[in-house]
N, C-alpha and C. Protein backbone atom coordinates (compact mmCIF):
# COMPACT_ATOMS: atom_id res chain seq x y z
N MET A 1 -10.52 -53.20 -11.97
CA MET A 1 -9.87 -52.91 -10.91
C MET A 1 -8.23 -52.62 -11.22
N ARG A 2 -7.79 -53.21 -12.04
CA ARG A 2 -6.45 -52.96 -12.61
C ARG A 2 -6.22 -51.77 -13.10
N ARG A 3 -7.23 -51.28 -13.90
CA ARG A 3 -7.18 -49.99 -14.48
C ARG A 3 -6.94 -48.76 -13.47
N ILE A 4 -7.74 -48.87 -12.43
CA ILE A 4 -7.81 -48.06 -11.18
C ILE A 4 -6.39 -48.08 -10.67
N THR A 5 -5.98 -49.13 -10.45
CA THR A 5 -4.55 -49.32 -9.69
C THR A 5 -3.50 -48.79 -10.52
N THR A 6 -3.65 -48.88 -11.98
CA THR A 6 -2.68 -48.32 -12.69
C THR A 6 -2.84 -46.70 -13.04
N ALA A 7 -4.04 -46.40 -12.99
CA ALA A 7 -4.44 -44.85 -13.05
C ALA A 7 -4.10 -43.97 -12.03
N LEU A 8 -4.27 -44.66 -10.67
CA LEU A 8 -4.12 -43.95 -9.48
C LEU A 8 -2.74 -43.18 -9.26
N PRO A 9 -1.71 -43.91 -9.55
CA PRO A 9 -0.37 -43.20 -9.41
C PRO A 9 -0.20 -41.98 -10.39
N LEU A 10 -0.87 -42.02 -11.64
CA LEU A 10 -0.82 -40.97 -12.49
C LEU A 10 -1.54 -39.89 -12.17
N VAL A 11 -2.63 -40.04 -11.46
CA VAL A 11 -3.55 -39.08 -10.84
C VAL A 11 -2.70 -38.26 -9.77
N PHE A 12 -2.26 -39.04 -8.83
CA PHE A 12 -1.36 -38.43 -7.78
C PHE A 12 -0.13 -37.76 -8.39
N PHE A 13 0.39 -38.10 -9.37
CA PHE A 13 1.55 -37.41 -10.00
C PHE A 13 1.00 -36.10 -10.67
N ALA A 14 -0.07 -36.10 -11.37
CA ALA A 14 -0.64 -34.93 -11.82
C ALA A 14 -1.08 -33.94 -10.90
N LEU A 15 -1.61 -34.40 -9.69
CA LEU A 15 -1.90 -33.32 -8.64
C LEU A 15 -0.72 -32.77 -8.02
N SER A 16 0.25 -33.70 -7.95
CA SER A 16 1.62 -33.11 -7.30
C SER A 16 2.07 -31.94 -8.15
N CYS A 17 2.10 -32.19 -9.40
CA CYS A 17 2.59 -31.29 -10.58
C CYS A 17 1.70 -29.99 -10.23
N LEU A 18 0.56 -30.05 -10.32
CA LEU A 18 -0.38 -28.87 -9.99
C LEU A 18 -0.08 -28.15 -8.73
N ALA A 19 0.16 -28.94 -7.65
CA ALA A 19 0.52 -28.28 -6.41
C ALA A 19 1.69 -27.38 -6.42
N GLN A 20 2.78 -27.92 -7.31
CA GLN A 20 4.02 -27.24 -7.18
C GLN A 20 3.92 -26.20 -8.19
N SER A 21 3.06 -25.87 -9.06
CA SER A 21 2.99 -24.92 -10.04
C SER A 21 3.11 -23.54 -9.45
N PRO A 22 2.41 -23.11 -8.39
CA PRO A 22 2.54 -21.75 -7.79
C PRO A 22 3.86 -21.55 -7.40
N ALA A 23 4.65 -22.48 -6.93
CA ALA A 23 6.01 -22.29 -6.40
C ALA A 23 6.93 -22.08 -7.56
N ARG A 24 6.67 -22.88 -8.68
CA ARG A 24 7.46 -22.60 -9.89
C ARG A 24 7.25 -21.34 -10.51
N ASP A 25 5.93 -21.05 -10.53
CA ASP A 25 5.67 -19.70 -11.08
C ASP A 25 6.27 -18.44 -10.15
N ALA A 26 6.26 -18.67 -8.91
CA ALA A 26 6.94 -17.61 -8.07
C ALA A 26 8.49 -17.46 -8.34
N GLU A 27 8.99 -18.67 -8.51
CA GLU A 27 10.41 -18.77 -8.90
C GLU A 27 10.91 -17.94 -10.10
N THR A 28 9.95 -18.27 -11.06
CA THR A 28 10.03 -17.62 -12.42
C THR A 28 10.09 -16.16 -12.25
N ARG A 29 8.94 -15.64 -11.57
CA ARG A 29 8.83 -14.21 -11.43
C ARG A 29 10.01 -13.63 -10.69
N LEU A 30 10.53 -14.16 -9.71
CA LEU A 30 11.54 -13.86 -8.89
C LEU A 30 12.92 -13.78 -9.46
N THR A 31 13.05 -14.54 -10.71
CA THR A 31 14.30 -14.61 -11.51
C THR A 31 14.62 -13.20 -11.98
N ASP A 32 13.59 -12.57 -12.35
CA ASP A 32 13.79 -11.23 -13.01
C ASP A 32 13.13 -10.08 -12.04
N ALA A 33 13.19 -10.21 -10.82
CA ALA A 33 12.61 -9.31 -9.83
C ALA A 33 13.05 -7.89 -9.98
N PRO A 34 12.03 -6.85 -10.16
CA PRO A 34 12.63 -5.54 -10.48
C PRO A 34 13.23 -4.77 -9.34
N VAL A 35 12.90 -5.43 -8.05
CA VAL A 35 13.46 -4.72 -6.89
C VAL A 35 13.42 -5.87 -5.76
N PHE A 36 14.38 -5.67 -4.85
CA PHE A 36 14.42 -6.46 -3.63
C PHE A 36 13.90 -5.65 -2.55
N ALA A 37 12.71 -6.20 -1.88
CA ALA A 37 12.09 -5.45 -0.91
C ALA A 37 11.30 -6.48 -0.06
N MET A 38 11.77 -6.17 1.42
CA MET A 38 11.05 -6.92 2.44
C MET A 38 10.31 -5.88 3.15
N GLY A 39 9.25 -6.39 3.82
CA GLY A 39 8.51 -5.48 4.67
C GLY A 39 7.63 -4.60 4.11
N GLY A 40 6.88 -3.72 4.66
CA GLY A 40 5.94 -2.83 4.08
C GLY A 40 6.70 -1.75 3.21
N VAL A 41 6.22 -1.74 1.90
CA VAL A 41 6.83 -0.67 0.99
C VAL A 41 5.59 0.07 0.26
N GLY A 42 5.98 1.20 -0.22
CA GLY A 42 5.14 2.14 -0.89
C GLY A 42 4.19 2.79 -0.07
N MET A 43 3.32 3.58 -0.56
CA MET A 43 2.41 4.52 0.14
C MET A 43 1.50 3.76 1.09
N ALA A 44 1.09 2.56 0.61
CA ALA A 44 0.25 1.76 1.49
C ALA A 44 0.92 0.80 2.50
N GLY A 45 2.20 0.73 2.34
CA GLY A 45 2.94 -0.20 3.39
C GLY A 45 2.69 -1.61 3.09
N ARG A 46 2.37 -1.93 1.93
CA ARG A 46 2.17 -3.45 1.59
C ARG A 46 3.42 -4.11 1.24
N ILE A 47 3.43 -5.53 1.40
CA ILE A 47 4.60 -6.24 0.91
C ILE A 47 4.58 -6.31 -0.57
N SER A 48 5.80 -6.23 -1.06
CA SER A 48 6.10 -6.24 -2.48
C SER A 48 5.71 -7.60 -3.06
N PRO A 49 5.48 -7.57 -4.47
CA PRO A 49 5.15 -8.91 -5.20
C PRO A 49 6.39 -9.80 -4.94
N GLY A 50 7.66 -9.28 -4.82
CA GLY A 50 8.73 -10.02 -4.64
C GLY A 50 8.67 -10.76 -3.35
N GLU A 51 8.35 -10.20 -2.31
CA GLU A 51 8.25 -10.77 -1.10
C GLU A 51 7.06 -11.87 -1.09
N VAL A 52 6.10 -11.66 -1.73
CA VAL A 52 4.96 -12.64 -1.89
C VAL A 52 5.49 -13.76 -2.50
N ASP A 53 6.20 -13.65 -3.64
CA ASP A 53 7.01 -14.75 -4.33
C ASP A 53 7.99 -15.45 -3.43
N PHE A 54 8.77 -14.71 -2.76
CA PHE A 54 9.71 -15.14 -1.96
C PHE A 54 9.11 -16.20 -0.81
N ARG A 55 7.95 -15.72 -0.30
CA ARG A 55 7.21 -16.47 0.73
C ARG A 55 6.74 -17.86 0.13
N ILE A 56 6.28 -17.66 -1.05
CA ILE A 56 5.78 -19.07 -1.69
C ILE A 56 6.89 -19.97 -1.88
N VAL A 57 7.95 -19.56 -2.34
CA VAL A 57 9.29 -20.41 -2.44
C VAL A 57 9.56 -20.89 -1.25
N MET A 58 9.65 -19.99 -0.26
CA MET A 58 10.11 -20.55 1.27
C MET A 58 9.10 -21.59 1.80
N ALA A 59 7.88 -21.65 1.44
CA ALA A 59 6.88 -22.45 2.02
C ALA A 59 6.84 -23.84 1.45
N GLN A 60 7.58 -24.06 0.47
CA GLN A 60 7.74 -25.40 -0.18
C GLN A 60 8.73 -26.19 1.03
N PRO A 61 8.56 -27.61 0.78
CA PRO A 61 9.45 -28.46 1.72
C PRO A 61 10.87 -27.86 1.46
N LYS A 62 11.65 -28.10 2.50
CA LYS A 62 12.96 -27.57 2.55
C LYS A 62 13.81 -27.92 1.28
N ASP A 63 13.92 -29.26 0.94
CA ASP A 63 14.58 -29.59 -0.16
C ASP A 63 14.17 -28.91 -1.56
N HIS A 64 12.95 -28.67 -1.59
CA HIS A 64 12.44 -28.01 -2.87
C HIS A 64 12.75 -26.53 -2.91
N ALA A 65 12.72 -25.90 -1.75
CA ALA A 65 12.99 -24.45 -1.50
C ALA A 65 14.53 -24.20 -1.68
N LEU A 66 15.28 -25.17 -1.22
CA LEU A 66 16.73 -25.04 -1.38
C LEU A 66 17.06 -25.06 -2.88
N LYS A 67 16.49 -25.96 -3.72
CA LYS A 67 16.67 -26.11 -4.94
C LYS A 67 16.23 -24.89 -5.84
N SER A 68 15.14 -24.31 -5.37
CA SER A 68 14.66 -22.97 -6.02
C SER A 68 15.56 -21.79 -5.73
N LEU A 69 16.15 -21.74 -4.50
CA LEU A 69 17.05 -20.78 -4.05
C LEU A 69 18.39 -20.79 -4.84
N GLU A 70 18.80 -22.04 -5.04
CA GLU A 70 20.02 -22.29 -5.85
C GLU A 70 19.72 -21.83 -7.30
N HIS A 71 18.64 -22.07 -7.88
CA HIS A 71 18.48 -21.69 -9.12
C HIS A 71 18.25 -20.22 -9.27
N LEU A 72 17.77 -19.58 -8.32
CA LEU A 72 17.53 -18.16 -8.23
C LEU A 72 18.89 -17.61 -8.17
N TYR A 73 19.70 -18.12 -7.39
CA TYR A 73 21.16 -17.42 -7.19
C TYR A 73 21.85 -17.64 -8.45
N THR A 74 21.87 -18.69 -9.18
CA THR A 74 22.62 -19.02 -10.31
C THR A 74 22.07 -18.37 -11.57
N SER A 75 20.73 -18.33 -11.74
CA SER A 75 20.11 -17.72 -12.93
C SER A 75 19.40 -16.54 -12.81
N GLY A 76 19.26 -15.88 -11.71
CA GLY A 76 18.70 -14.66 -11.44
C GLY A 76 19.35 -13.40 -11.55
N ASN A 77 18.73 -12.38 -11.65
CA ASN A 77 19.21 -10.96 -11.62
C ASN A 77 19.81 -10.60 -10.12
N ALA A 78 20.23 -9.46 -10.02
CA ALA A 78 20.92 -9.07 -8.69
C ALA A 78 19.87 -9.17 -7.63
N GLN A 79 18.60 -8.69 -7.91
CA GLN A 79 17.56 -8.78 -6.89
C GLN A 79 17.25 -10.26 -6.50
N ALA A 80 17.06 -11.13 -7.40
CA ALA A 80 16.85 -12.52 -7.31
C ALA A 80 17.91 -13.10 -6.40
N LYS A 81 19.15 -12.68 -6.83
CA LYS A 81 20.21 -13.39 -5.86
C LYS A 81 20.01 -12.88 -4.42
N MET A 82 19.57 -11.63 -4.08
CA MET A 82 19.42 -11.26 -2.71
C MET A 82 18.30 -12.05 -2.03
N TYR A 83 17.27 -12.27 -2.85
CA TYR A 83 16.12 -13.20 -2.19
C TYR A 83 16.72 -14.53 -1.89
N ALA A 84 17.55 -15.05 -2.93
CA ALA A 84 18.11 -16.38 -2.69
C ALA A 84 19.12 -16.39 -1.47
N LEU A 85 19.84 -15.44 -1.37
CA LEU A 85 20.82 -15.28 -0.25
C LEU A 85 20.00 -15.28 1.09
N LEU A 86 18.96 -14.28 1.28
CA LEU A 86 18.11 -14.36 2.33
C LEU A 86 17.51 -15.70 2.68
N GLY A 87 16.97 -16.40 1.71
CA GLY A 87 16.45 -17.62 1.95
C GLY A 87 17.51 -18.70 2.42
N LEU A 88 18.58 -18.73 1.76
CA LEU A 88 19.72 -19.59 2.11
C LEU A 88 20.12 -19.26 3.59
N ARG A 89 20.23 -18.13 4.05
CA ARG A 89 20.63 -17.77 5.36
C ARG A 89 19.54 -18.46 6.35
N ARG A 90 18.34 -18.48 6.02
CA ARG A 90 17.31 -18.98 6.76
C ARG A 90 17.22 -20.55 6.91
N LEU A 91 17.58 -21.15 5.66
CA LEU A 91 17.44 -22.55 5.54
C LEU A 91 18.69 -23.36 5.74
N SER A 92 19.77 -22.75 5.05
CA SER A 92 20.94 -23.38 5.05
C SER A 92 22.22 -22.26 5.41
N PRO A 93 22.32 -22.18 6.72
CA PRO A 93 23.38 -21.01 7.06
C PRO A 93 24.73 -21.38 6.47
N GLU A 94 25.07 -22.57 6.36
CA GLU A 94 26.32 -22.98 6.02
C GLU A 94 26.53 -22.52 4.42
N GLU A 95 25.48 -22.91 3.55
CA GLU A 95 25.53 -22.59 2.25
C GLU A 95 25.61 -20.96 2.09
N PHE A 96 24.76 -20.35 3.04
CA PHE A 96 24.84 -18.72 3.02
C PHE A 96 26.25 -18.23 3.12
N ARG A 97 27.00 -18.85 4.16
CA ARG A 97 28.24 -18.39 4.47
C ARG A 97 29.24 -18.55 3.27
N VAL A 98 29.06 -19.70 2.55
CA VAL A 98 29.93 -20.07 1.39
C VAL A 98 29.63 -18.84 0.30
N ARG A 99 28.36 -18.63 0.00
CA ARG A 99 27.99 -17.77 -0.98
C ARG A 99 28.43 -16.36 -0.49
N TYR A 100 28.23 -15.93 0.73
CA TYR A 100 28.44 -14.73 1.17
C TYR A 100 29.90 -14.40 1.13
N ALA A 101 30.81 -15.28 1.36
CA ALA A 101 32.20 -15.09 1.30
C ALA A 101 32.80 -14.88 -0.12
N THR A 102 32.08 -15.34 -1.00
CA THR A 102 32.45 -15.14 -2.40
C THR A 102 32.00 -13.79 -2.96
N ILE A 103 31.25 -13.17 -2.51
CA ILE A 103 30.49 -12.00 -3.06
C ILE A 103 30.83 -10.72 -2.23
N ARG A 104 31.56 -10.71 -1.11
CA ARG A 104 31.68 -9.51 -0.18
C ARG A 104 32.23 -8.45 -1.16
N ARG A 105 33.03 -8.61 -2.00
CA ARG A 105 33.66 -7.43 -2.66
C ARG A 105 32.80 -6.92 -3.98
N SER A 106 31.73 -7.59 -4.28
CA SER A 106 31.07 -7.30 -5.49
C SER A 106 30.53 -5.92 -5.40
N GLN A 107 30.63 -5.21 -6.51
CA GLN A 107 30.06 -3.76 -6.65
C GLN A 107 28.79 -3.70 -7.50
N GLU A 108 28.29 -4.91 -7.98
CA GLU A 108 27.08 -5.04 -8.73
C GLU A 108 26.03 -4.28 -7.99
N GLU A 109 25.20 -3.61 -8.66
CA GLU A 109 24.07 -2.92 -8.17
C GLU A 109 22.70 -3.59 -7.96
N VAL A 110 22.04 -3.45 -6.79
CA VAL A 110 20.81 -4.10 -6.59
C VAL A 110 19.80 -2.95 -6.42
N SER A 111 18.71 -3.15 -6.92
CA SER A 111 17.55 -2.18 -6.86
C SER A 111 16.95 -2.57 -5.68
N THR A 112 16.64 -1.74 -4.57
CA THR A 112 16.00 -2.11 -3.36
C THR A 112 14.94 -1.09 -3.12
N MET A 113 14.01 -1.38 -2.10
CA MET A 113 12.94 -0.54 -1.81
C MET A 113 12.67 -0.82 -0.20
N SER A 114 12.77 0.36 0.56
CA SER A 114 12.40 0.15 1.99
C SER A 114 11.57 1.45 2.18
N GLY A 115 10.32 0.98 2.64
CA GLY A 115 9.31 2.03 2.78
C GLY A 115 8.94 2.68 1.52
N CYS A 116 9.01 3.81 1.47
CA CYS A 116 8.66 4.57 0.05
C CYS A 116 9.85 5.04 -0.64
N ILE A 117 11.03 4.43 -0.22
CA ILE A 117 12.27 5.00 -0.94
C ILE A 117 12.78 3.71 -1.66
N ARG A 118 13.02 3.95 -2.92
CA ARG A 118 13.65 3.16 -3.85
C ARG A 118 15.22 3.51 -4.17
N SER A 119 16.01 2.66 -3.97
CA SER A 119 17.35 3.09 -4.31
C SER A 119 18.26 1.88 -4.90
N ASP A 120 19.40 2.24 -5.40
CA ASP A 120 20.24 1.24 -5.69
C ASP A 120 21.49 1.16 -4.74
N ARG A 121 21.70 -0.03 -4.35
CA ARG A 121 22.81 -0.41 -3.31
C ARG A 121 23.68 -1.32 -4.00
N THR A 122 24.93 -1.51 -3.43
CA THR A 122 25.90 -2.54 -4.01
C THR A 122 25.27 -3.79 -3.32
N PHE A 123 25.71 -4.88 -4.26
CA PHE A 123 25.52 -6.28 -3.86
C PHE A 123 26.05 -6.58 -2.49
N GLN A 124 27.27 -6.22 -2.22
CA GLN A 124 27.96 -6.21 -1.00
C GLN A 124 27.14 -5.54 0.18
N ASP A 125 26.62 -4.48 0.01
CA ASP A 125 25.88 -3.91 0.99
C ASP A 125 24.64 -4.56 1.41
N VAL A 126 23.92 -4.82 0.39
CA VAL A 126 22.56 -5.53 0.57
C VAL A 126 22.99 -7.01 1.34
N ALA A 127 23.96 -7.75 0.75
CA ALA A 127 24.37 -9.04 1.42
C ALA A 127 24.80 -8.86 2.92
N THR A 128 25.64 -7.78 3.13
CA THR A 128 25.95 -7.57 4.48
C THR A 128 24.74 -7.31 5.34
N SER A 129 23.76 -6.52 4.94
CA SER A 129 22.48 -6.40 5.64
C SER A 129 21.83 -7.69 5.92
N ILE A 130 21.77 -8.46 4.97
CA ILE A 130 21.28 -9.82 5.26
C ILE A 130 21.97 -10.59 6.20
N ASN A 131 23.44 -10.55 6.11
CA ASN A 131 24.12 -11.45 6.94
C ASN A 131 23.95 -10.85 8.48
N LYS A 132 23.72 -9.45 8.73
CA LYS A 132 23.45 -8.81 9.95
C LYS A 132 22.28 -9.28 10.60
N GLY A 133 21.20 -9.78 9.70
CA GLY A 133 19.95 -10.04 10.29
C GLY A 133 18.88 -8.95 10.03
N GLU A 134 19.24 -7.93 9.29
CA GLU A 134 18.41 -6.76 9.07
C GLU A 134 17.00 -7.03 8.48
N TYR A 135 16.90 -8.24 7.85
CA TYR A 135 15.76 -8.55 7.16
C TYR A 135 15.09 -9.78 7.83
N ASP A 136 15.52 -10.17 9.08
CA ASP A 136 14.89 -11.18 9.78
C ASP A 136 13.63 -10.80 10.33
N SER A 137 13.07 -9.63 10.62
CA SER A 137 11.87 -9.46 10.98
C SER A 137 10.91 -9.50 9.98
N ALA A 138 11.27 -9.42 8.66
CA ALA A 138 10.24 -9.52 7.63
C ALA A 138 10.01 -11.03 7.40
N ARG A 139 9.18 -11.71 7.91
CA ARG A 139 8.96 -12.97 7.69
C ARG A 139 7.78 -13.22 6.87
């Protein structure tokens, strides 16, 4: 009985690590996202792999999602930062406002996709669209 009592917490720990793996994998992929795209894109109008990964990150408990978003913002490319800003706007509006205030003048380019059109926009331009709620319908 003692062995079972000792082993049970280890089993639960291992299961929790496995359950978090998809979110960690999604966060890793988003760090180097090739494009920031929300909503239907491409000829078939499907959601982008980045949006799929963003949804996985956002499906975590709030504190885990916020940690992932912070990591994306500090370690990711420009596209990852946009996903992070979008997530922060939804989960922590105050943190979003702090980040938004610091990047409004940035001219860094973000590769975006809307429908079938891929373009490069400034960091400031995409962040302003997020701030205005232009990506709110893409849940």
